[in-house]
Amino acid sequence: MIRFNTINAQKEKIDVILNEWNEIKSCIQVSFNQRNKEVYKEMQDGISLYQKLLRQVSEASNCQDQILEDFEVLPLNGNDRYQFITNNPSLYVAFRQLDELFEETKKKIARLRITNQ
């Protein structure tokens, strides 16, 4: 298991990533509404940012798909949902799943921060 790292998961540090996600999320939403082809690239940026979040709050330097399920901070069914997102980045439902992963991971980070103090 890739353990949670309380020091790297300080609120100030992850807020930078989460704020960046909110910006990307807005762009993705607009792209889907306008049926813009740029949504694929924006989704790839969002996926990369999610990987960055996982690396930031864990004791890991790499985030590969085959070991994703080993991350302590990953939410329920996170690996399956992540695989769906990476296999279907142009679908709106994949965007919704990515947004949910960010939200659920944020909550799990907060819970792990409290329990690991």
N, C-alpha and C. Protein backbone atom coordinates (compact mmCIF):
# COMPACT_ATOMS: atom_id res chain seq x y z
N MET A 1 0.84 -1.18 0.00
CA MET A 1 0.00 0.00 0.00
C MET A 1 0.88 1.24 0.00
N ILE A 2 0.49 2.20 -0.78
CA ILE A 2 1.19 3.48 -0.83
C ILE A 2 0.53 4.39 0.19
N ARG A 3 1.23 4.65 1.26
CA ARG A 3 0.68 5.34 2.42
C ARG A 3 0.45 6.82 2.18
N PHE A 4 -0.47 7.35 2.94
CA PHE A 4 -0.80 8.77 2.98
C PHE A 4 0.31 9.52 3.69
N ASN A 5 0.67 10.69 3.20
CA ASN A 5 1.75 11.49 3.79
C ASN A 5 1.13 12.78 4.33
N THR A 6 1.00 12.87 5.64
CA THR A 6 0.35 14.00 6.29
C THR A 6 1.06 15.32 6.01
N ILE A 7 2.37 15.28 5.97
CA ILE A 7 3.15 16.51 5.76
C ILE A 7 2.87 17.10 4.37
N ASN A 8 2.88 16.25 3.37
CA ASN A 8 2.63 16.72 2.00
C ASN A 8 1.16 17.01 1.73
N ALA A 9 0.29 16.61 2.63
CA ALA A 9 -1.15 16.80 2.43
C ALA A 9 -1.69 17.98 3.23
N GLN A 10 -0.82 18.89 3.61
CA GLN A 10 -1.30 20.07 4.32
C GLN A 10 -2.24 20.86 3.42
N LYS A 11 -3.24 21.44 4.04
CA LYS A 11 -4.30 22.13 3.31
C LYS A 11 -3.76 23.15 2.31
N GLU A 12 -2.78 23.92 2.71
CA GLU A 12 -2.23 24.95 1.84
C GLU A 12 -1.63 24.35 0.57
N LYS A 13 -1.02 23.19 0.72
CA LYS A 13 -0.35 22.55 -0.42
C LYS A 13 -1.36 21.95 -1.40
N ILE A 14 -2.40 21.32 -0.89
CA ILE A 14 -3.35 20.71 -1.83
C ILE A 14 -4.36 21.70 -2.38
N ASP A 15 -4.55 22.82 -1.67
CA ASP A 15 -5.47 23.85 -2.18
C ASP A 15 -4.99 24.40 -3.52
N VAL A 16 -3.69 24.44 -3.73
CA VAL A 16 -3.14 24.92 -5.01
C VAL A 16 -3.62 24.00 -6.13
N ILE A 17 -3.53 22.69 -5.91
CA ILE A 17 -3.96 21.72 -6.93
C ILE A 17 -5.47 21.78 -7.13
N LEU A 18 -6.21 21.87 -6.03
CA LEU A 18 -7.67 21.91 -6.14
C LEU A 18 -8.16 23.18 -6.82
N ASN A 19 -7.49 24.29 -6.59
CA ASN A 19 -7.85 25.53 -7.29
C ASN A 19 -7.57 25.41 -8.78
N GLU A 20 -6.47 24.77 -9.11
CA GLU A 20 -6.14 24.55 -10.52
C GLU A 20 -7.20 23.65 -11.16
N TRP A 21 -7.67 22.63 -10.41
CA TRP A 21 -8.73 21.76 -10.92
C TRP A 21 -10.01 22.57 -11.19
N ASN A 22 -10.34 23.48 -10.30
CA ASN A 22 -11.55 24.29 -10.50
C ASN A 22 -11.47 25.10 -11.78
N GLU A 23 -10.28 25.60 -12.11
CA GLU A 23 -10.10 26.34 -13.37
C GLU A 23 -10.26 25.42 -14.58
N ILE A 24 -9.61 24.27 -14.52
CA ILE A 24 -9.70 23.30 -15.62
C ILE A 24 -11.14 22.81 -15.75
N LYS A 25 -11.77 22.55 -14.63
CA LYS A 25 -13.15 22.07 -14.60
C LYS A 25 -14.08 23.05 -15.33
N SER A 26 -13.90 24.34 -15.08
CA SER A 26 -14.72 25.35 -15.75
C SER A 26 -14.51 25.31 -17.26
N CYS A 27 -13.27 25.19 -17.68
CA CYS A 27 -12.95 25.11 -19.11
C CYS A 27 -13.57 23.87 -19.74
N ILE A 28 -13.49 22.75 -19.05
CA ILE A 28 -14.05 21.50 -19.57
C ILE A 28 -15.56 21.63 -19.71
N GLN A 29 -16.20 22.22 -18.69
CA GLN A 29 -17.66 22.39 -18.73
C GLN A 29 -18.07 23.23 -19.94
N VAL A 30 -17.35 24.33 -20.17
CA VAL A 30 -17.64 25.18 -21.32
C VAL A 30 -17.43 24.42 -22.62
N SER A 31 -16.34 23.66 -22.71
CA SER A 31 -16.05 22.89 -23.92
C SER A 31 -17.14 21.85 -24.20
N PHE A 32 -17.61 21.18 -23.17
CA PHE A 32 -18.69 20.22 -23.37
C PHE A 32 -19.98 20.92 -23.81
N ASN A 33 -20.26 22.06 -23.20
CA ASN A 33 -21.47 22.80 -23.58
C ASN A 33 -21.41 23.27 -25.03
N GLN A 34 -20.22 23.63 -25.50
CA GLN A 34 -20.05 24.12 -26.86
C GLN A 34 -19.67 23.01 -27.84
N ARG A 35 -19.58 21.78 -27.34
CA ARG A 35 -19.18 20.63 -28.15
C ARG A 35 -17.83 20.88 -28.85
N ASN A 36 -16.93 21.42 -28.09
CA ASN A 36 -15.60 21.80 -28.57
C ASN A 36 -14.68 20.57 -28.55
N LYS A 37 -13.89 20.42 -29.58
CA LYS A 37 -12.94 19.29 -29.68
C LYS A 37 -11.78 19.41 -28.69
N GLU A 38 -11.57 20.60 -28.15
CA GLU A 38 -10.49 20.82 -27.18
C GLU A 38 -10.73 20.08 -25.87
N VAL A 39 -11.93 19.55 -25.68
CA VAL A 39 -12.26 18.90 -24.42
C VAL A 39 -11.33 17.72 -24.14
N TYR A 40 -10.89 17.04 -25.17
CA TYR A 40 -9.99 15.89 -24.98
C TYR A 40 -8.70 16.34 -24.30
N LYS A 41 -8.09 17.41 -24.79
CA LYS A 41 -6.85 17.92 -24.22
C LYS A 41 -7.08 18.42 -22.79
N GLU A 42 -8.20 19.10 -22.58
CA GLU A 42 -8.51 19.61 -21.24
C GLU A 42 -8.73 18.46 -20.25
N MET A 43 -9.37 17.39 -20.72
CA MET A 43 -9.56 16.22 -19.86
C MET A 43 -8.22 15.57 -19.53
N GLN A 44 -7.32 15.52 -20.50
CA GLN A 44 -5.99 14.97 -20.24
C GLN A 44 -5.27 15.81 -19.18
N ASP A 45 -5.45 17.13 -19.26
CA ASP A 45 -4.86 18.01 -18.24
C ASP A 45 -5.46 17.71 -16.87
N GLY A 46 -6.76 17.47 -16.82
CA GLY A 46 -7.43 17.14 -15.56
C GLY A 46 -6.96 15.81 -14.99
N ILE A 47 -6.78 14.83 -15.86
CA ILE A 47 -6.29 13.51 -15.44
C ILE A 47 -4.88 13.63 -14.88
N SER A 48 -4.04 14.39 -15.56
CA SER A 48 -2.67 14.61 -15.08
C SER A 48 -2.67 15.31 -13.73
N LEU A 49 -3.58 16.25 -13.56
CA LEU A 49 -3.67 16.97 -12.30
C LEU A 49 -4.13 16.04 -11.17
N TYR A 50 -5.02 15.11 -11.48
CA TYR A 50 -5.46 14.14 -10.47
C TYR A 50 -4.28 13.25 -10.06
N GLN A 51 -3.48 12.84 -11.02
CA GLN A 51 -2.29 12.05 -10.71
C GLN A 51 -1.33 12.85 -9.82
N LYS A 52 -1.21 14.13 -10.12
CA LYS A 52 -0.35 15.01 -9.32
C LYS A 52 -0.87 15.09 -7.88
N LEU A 53 -2.18 15.17 -7.72
CA LEU A 53 -2.77 15.21 -6.39
C LEU A 53 -2.45 13.93 -5.62
N LEU A 54 -2.60 12.79 -6.28
CA LEU A 54 -2.29 11.51 -5.62
C LEU A 54 -0.83 11.44 -5.20
N ARG A 55 0.07 11.87 -6.08
CA ARG A 55 1.50 11.86 -5.74
C ARG A 55 1.79 12.82 -4.59
N GLN A 56 1.15 13.98 -4.61
CA GLN A 56 1.40 15.01 -3.60
C GLN A 56 1.07 14.52 -2.20
N VAL A 57 -0.03 13.81 -2.04
CA VAL A 57 -0.49 13.43 -0.71
C VAL A 57 -0.05 12.03 -0.29
N SER A 58 0.76 11.39 -1.10
CA SER A 58 1.19 10.03 -0.81
C SER A 58 2.70 9.94 -0.75
N GLU A 59 3.15 8.84 -0.24
CA GLU A 59 4.59 8.58 -0.19
C GLU A 59 5.00 7.86 -1.46
N ALA A 60 4.76 8.51 -2.59
CA ALA A 60 5.08 7.91 -3.89
C ALA A 60 5.60 8.99 -4.82
N SER A 61 6.51 8.61 -5.67
CA SER A 61 7.04 9.55 -6.65
C SER A 61 6.46 9.29 -8.03
N ASN A 62 5.74 8.19 -8.18
CA ASN A 62 5.20 7.82 -9.49
C ASN A 62 3.75 7.40 -9.31
N CYS A 63 2.95 7.62 -10.33
CA CYS A 63 1.53 7.27 -10.28
C CYS A 63 1.18 6.54 -11.56
N GLN A 64 1.34 5.24 -11.55
CA GLN A 64 1.06 4.45 -12.74
C GLN A 64 -0.27 3.74 -12.56
N ASP A 65 -0.96 3.51 -13.66
CA ASP A 65 -2.29 2.89 -13.61
C ASP A 65 -2.29 1.56 -12.88
N GLN A 66 -1.30 0.72 -13.11
CA GLN A 66 -1.32 -0.62 -12.52
C GLN A 66 -1.18 -0.60 -11.00
N ILE A 67 -0.65 0.46 -10.42
CA ILE A 67 -0.52 0.52 -8.97
C ILE A 67 -1.47 1.53 -8.35
N LEU A 68 -2.33 2.11 -9.13
CA LEU A 68 -3.23 3.15 -8.63
C LEU A 68 -4.06 2.66 -7.46
N GLU A 69 -4.53 1.42 -7.51
CA GLU A 69 -5.38 0.89 -6.44
C GLU A 69 -4.64 0.75 -5.12
N ASP A 70 -3.33 0.85 -5.14
CA ASP A 70 -2.54 0.73 -3.91
C ASP A 70 -2.49 2.03 -3.09
N PHE A 71 -2.96 3.13 -3.66
CA PHE A 71 -2.92 4.41 -2.95
C PHE A 71 -3.95 4.41 -1.83
N GLU A 72 -3.50 4.67 -0.62
CA GLU A 72 -4.39 4.70 0.54
C GLU A 72 -5.47 5.77 0.40
N VAL A 73 -5.16 6.85 -0.27
CA VAL A 73 -6.05 7.99 -0.37
C VAL A 73 -7.13 7.81 -1.46
N LEU A 74 -7.01 6.79 -2.28
CA LEU A 74 -7.95 6.58 -3.38
C LEU A 74 -9.34 6.23 -2.84
N PRO A 75 -10.39 6.90 -3.31
CA PRO A 75 -11.75 6.61 -2.84
C PRO A 75 -12.25 5.24 -3.29
N LEU A 76 -13.40 4.86 -2.80
CA LEU A 76 -14.03 3.59 -3.14
C LEU A 76 -14.22 3.47 -4.65
N ASN A 77 -13.83 2.34 -5.20
CA ASN A 77 -13.90 2.08 -6.65
C ASN A 77 -13.10 3.10 -7.46
N GLY A 78 -12.15 3.74 -6.83
CA GLY A 78 -11.37 4.77 -7.50
C GLY A 78 -10.58 4.27 -8.69
N ASN A 79 -10.01 3.08 -8.57
CA ASN A 79 -9.23 2.53 -9.67
C ASN A 79 -10.11 2.26 -10.89
N ASP A 80 -11.27 1.66 -10.68
CA ASP A 80 -12.19 1.37 -11.79
C ASP A 80 -12.67 2.66 -12.45
N ARG A 81 -13.00 3.63 -11.64
CA ARG A 81 -13.48 4.90 -12.19
C ARG A 81 -12.37 5.62 -12.94
N TYR A 82 -11.15 5.57 -12.39
CA TYR A 82 -10.02 6.19 -13.06
C TYR A 82 -9.77 5.54 -14.42
N GLN A 83 -9.85 4.22 -14.48
CA GLN A 83 -9.67 3.50 -15.75
C GLN A 83 -10.73 3.93 -16.76
N PHE A 84 -11.97 4.06 -16.30
CA PHE A 84 -13.05 4.50 -17.19
C PHE A 84 -12.75 5.90 -17.73
N ILE A 85 -12.30 6.78 -16.87
CA ILE A 85 -12.00 8.16 -17.27
C ILE A 85 -10.88 8.18 -18.31
N THR A 86 -9.81 7.45 -18.05
CA THR A 86 -8.67 7.47 -18.97
C THR A 86 -9.00 6.79 -20.30
N ASN A 87 -9.93 5.85 -20.29
CA ASN A 87 -10.32 5.18 -21.53
C ASN A 87 -11.36 5.96 -22.33
N ASN A 88 -12.05 6.91 -21.69
CA ASN A 88 -13.15 7.64 -22.35
C ASN A 88 -13.09 9.14 -22.05
N PRO A 89 -11.96 9.80 -22.25
CA PRO A 89 -11.85 11.20 -21.82
C PRO A 89 -12.75 12.17 -22.58
N SER A 90 -13.28 11.77 -23.71
CA SER A 90 -14.13 12.67 -24.50
C SER A 90 -15.61 12.60 -24.10
N LEU A 91 -15.94 11.73 -23.16
CA LEU A 91 -17.33 11.58 -22.73
C LEU A 91 -17.63 12.48 -21.53
N TYR A 92 -18.82 13.05 -21.55
CA TYR A 92 -19.23 13.92 -20.45
C TYR A 92 -19.27 13.15 -19.13
N VAL A 93 -19.73 11.91 -19.18
CA VAL A 93 -19.82 11.10 -17.96
C VAL A 93 -18.42 10.86 -17.36
N ALA A 94 -17.40 10.80 -18.18
CA ALA A 94 -16.03 10.67 -17.67
C ALA A 94 -15.61 11.96 -16.94
N PHE A 95 -16.03 13.09 -17.47
CA PHE A 95 -15.76 14.36 -16.80
C PHE A 95 -16.44 14.39 -15.43
N ARG A 96 -17.69 13.96 -15.36
CA ARG A 96 -18.41 13.93 -14.09
C ARG A 96 -17.71 12.99 -13.10
N GLN A 97 -17.23 11.86 -13.59
CA GLN A 97 -16.51 10.92 -12.73
C GLN A 97 -15.21 11.52 -12.21
N LEU A 98 -14.50 12.23 -13.08
CA LEU A 98 -13.26 12.87 -12.66
C LEU A 98 -13.53 13.91 -11.59
N ASP A 99 -14.57 14.69 -11.77
CA ASP A 99 -14.94 15.68 -10.78
C ASP A 99 -15.28 15.01 -9.44
N GLU A 100 -16.01 13.92 -9.50
CA GLU A 100 -16.36 13.18 -8.28
C GLU A 100 -15.10 12.60 -7.61
N LEU A 101 -14.17 12.11 -8.41
CA LEU A 101 -12.91 11.60 -7.83
C LEU A 101 -12.18 12.70 -7.08
N PHE A 102 -12.12 13.90 -7.68
CA PHE A 102 -11.47 15.02 -6.99
C PHE A 102 -12.18 15.31 -5.66
N GLU A 103 -13.51 15.37 -5.70
CA GLU A 103 -14.27 15.70 -4.49
C GLU A 103 -14.11 14.63 -3.42
N GLU A 104 -14.23 13.37 -3.79
CA GLU A 104 -14.12 12.29 -2.82
C GLU A 104 -12.70 12.15 -2.28
N THR A 105 -11.72 12.39 -3.13
CA THR A 105 -10.33 12.34 -2.68
C THR A 105 -10.05 13.47 -1.70
N LYS A 106 -10.59 14.63 -1.98
CA LYS A 106 -10.45 15.78 -1.09
C LYS A 106 -11.01 15.45 0.30
N LYS A 107 -12.18 14.81 0.34
CA LYS A 107 -12.78 14.43 1.62
C LYS A 107 -11.95 13.36 2.34
N LYS A 108 -11.44 12.42 1.57
CA LYS A 108 -10.64 11.36 2.19
C LYS A 108 -9.33 11.92 2.73
N ILE A 109 -8.75 12.88 2.01
CA ILE A 109 -7.53 13.54 2.49
C ILE A 109 -7.80 14.21 3.83
N ALA A 110 -8.91 14.92 3.92
CA ALA A 110 -9.26 15.60 5.17
C ALA A 110 -9.44 14.59 6.30
N ARG A 111 -10.11 13.48 6.02
CA ARG A 111 -10.32 12.46 7.04
C ARG A 111 -8.99 11.84 7.48
N LEU A 112 -8.11 11.53 6.51
CA LEU A 112 -6.82 10.94 6.85
C LEU A 112 -5.92 11.92 7.61
N ARG A 113 -6.03 13.20 7.29
CA ARG A 113 -5.25 14.21 8.02
C ARG A 113 -5.65 14.22 9.49
N ILE A 114 -6.94 14.12 9.75
CA ILE A 114 -7.43 14.14 11.13
C ILE A 114 -7.02 12.88 11.88
N THR A 115 -7.18 11.73 11.23
CA THR A 115 -6.88 10.47 11.93
C THR A 115 -5.39 10.22 12.09
N ASN A 116 -4.54 10.86 11.27
CA ASN A 116 -3.09 10.63 11.34
C ASN A 116 -2.35 11.70 12.13
N GLN A 117 -3.06 12.55 12.81
CA GLN A 117 -2.39 13.62 13.58
C GLN A 117 -1.72 13.08 14.81
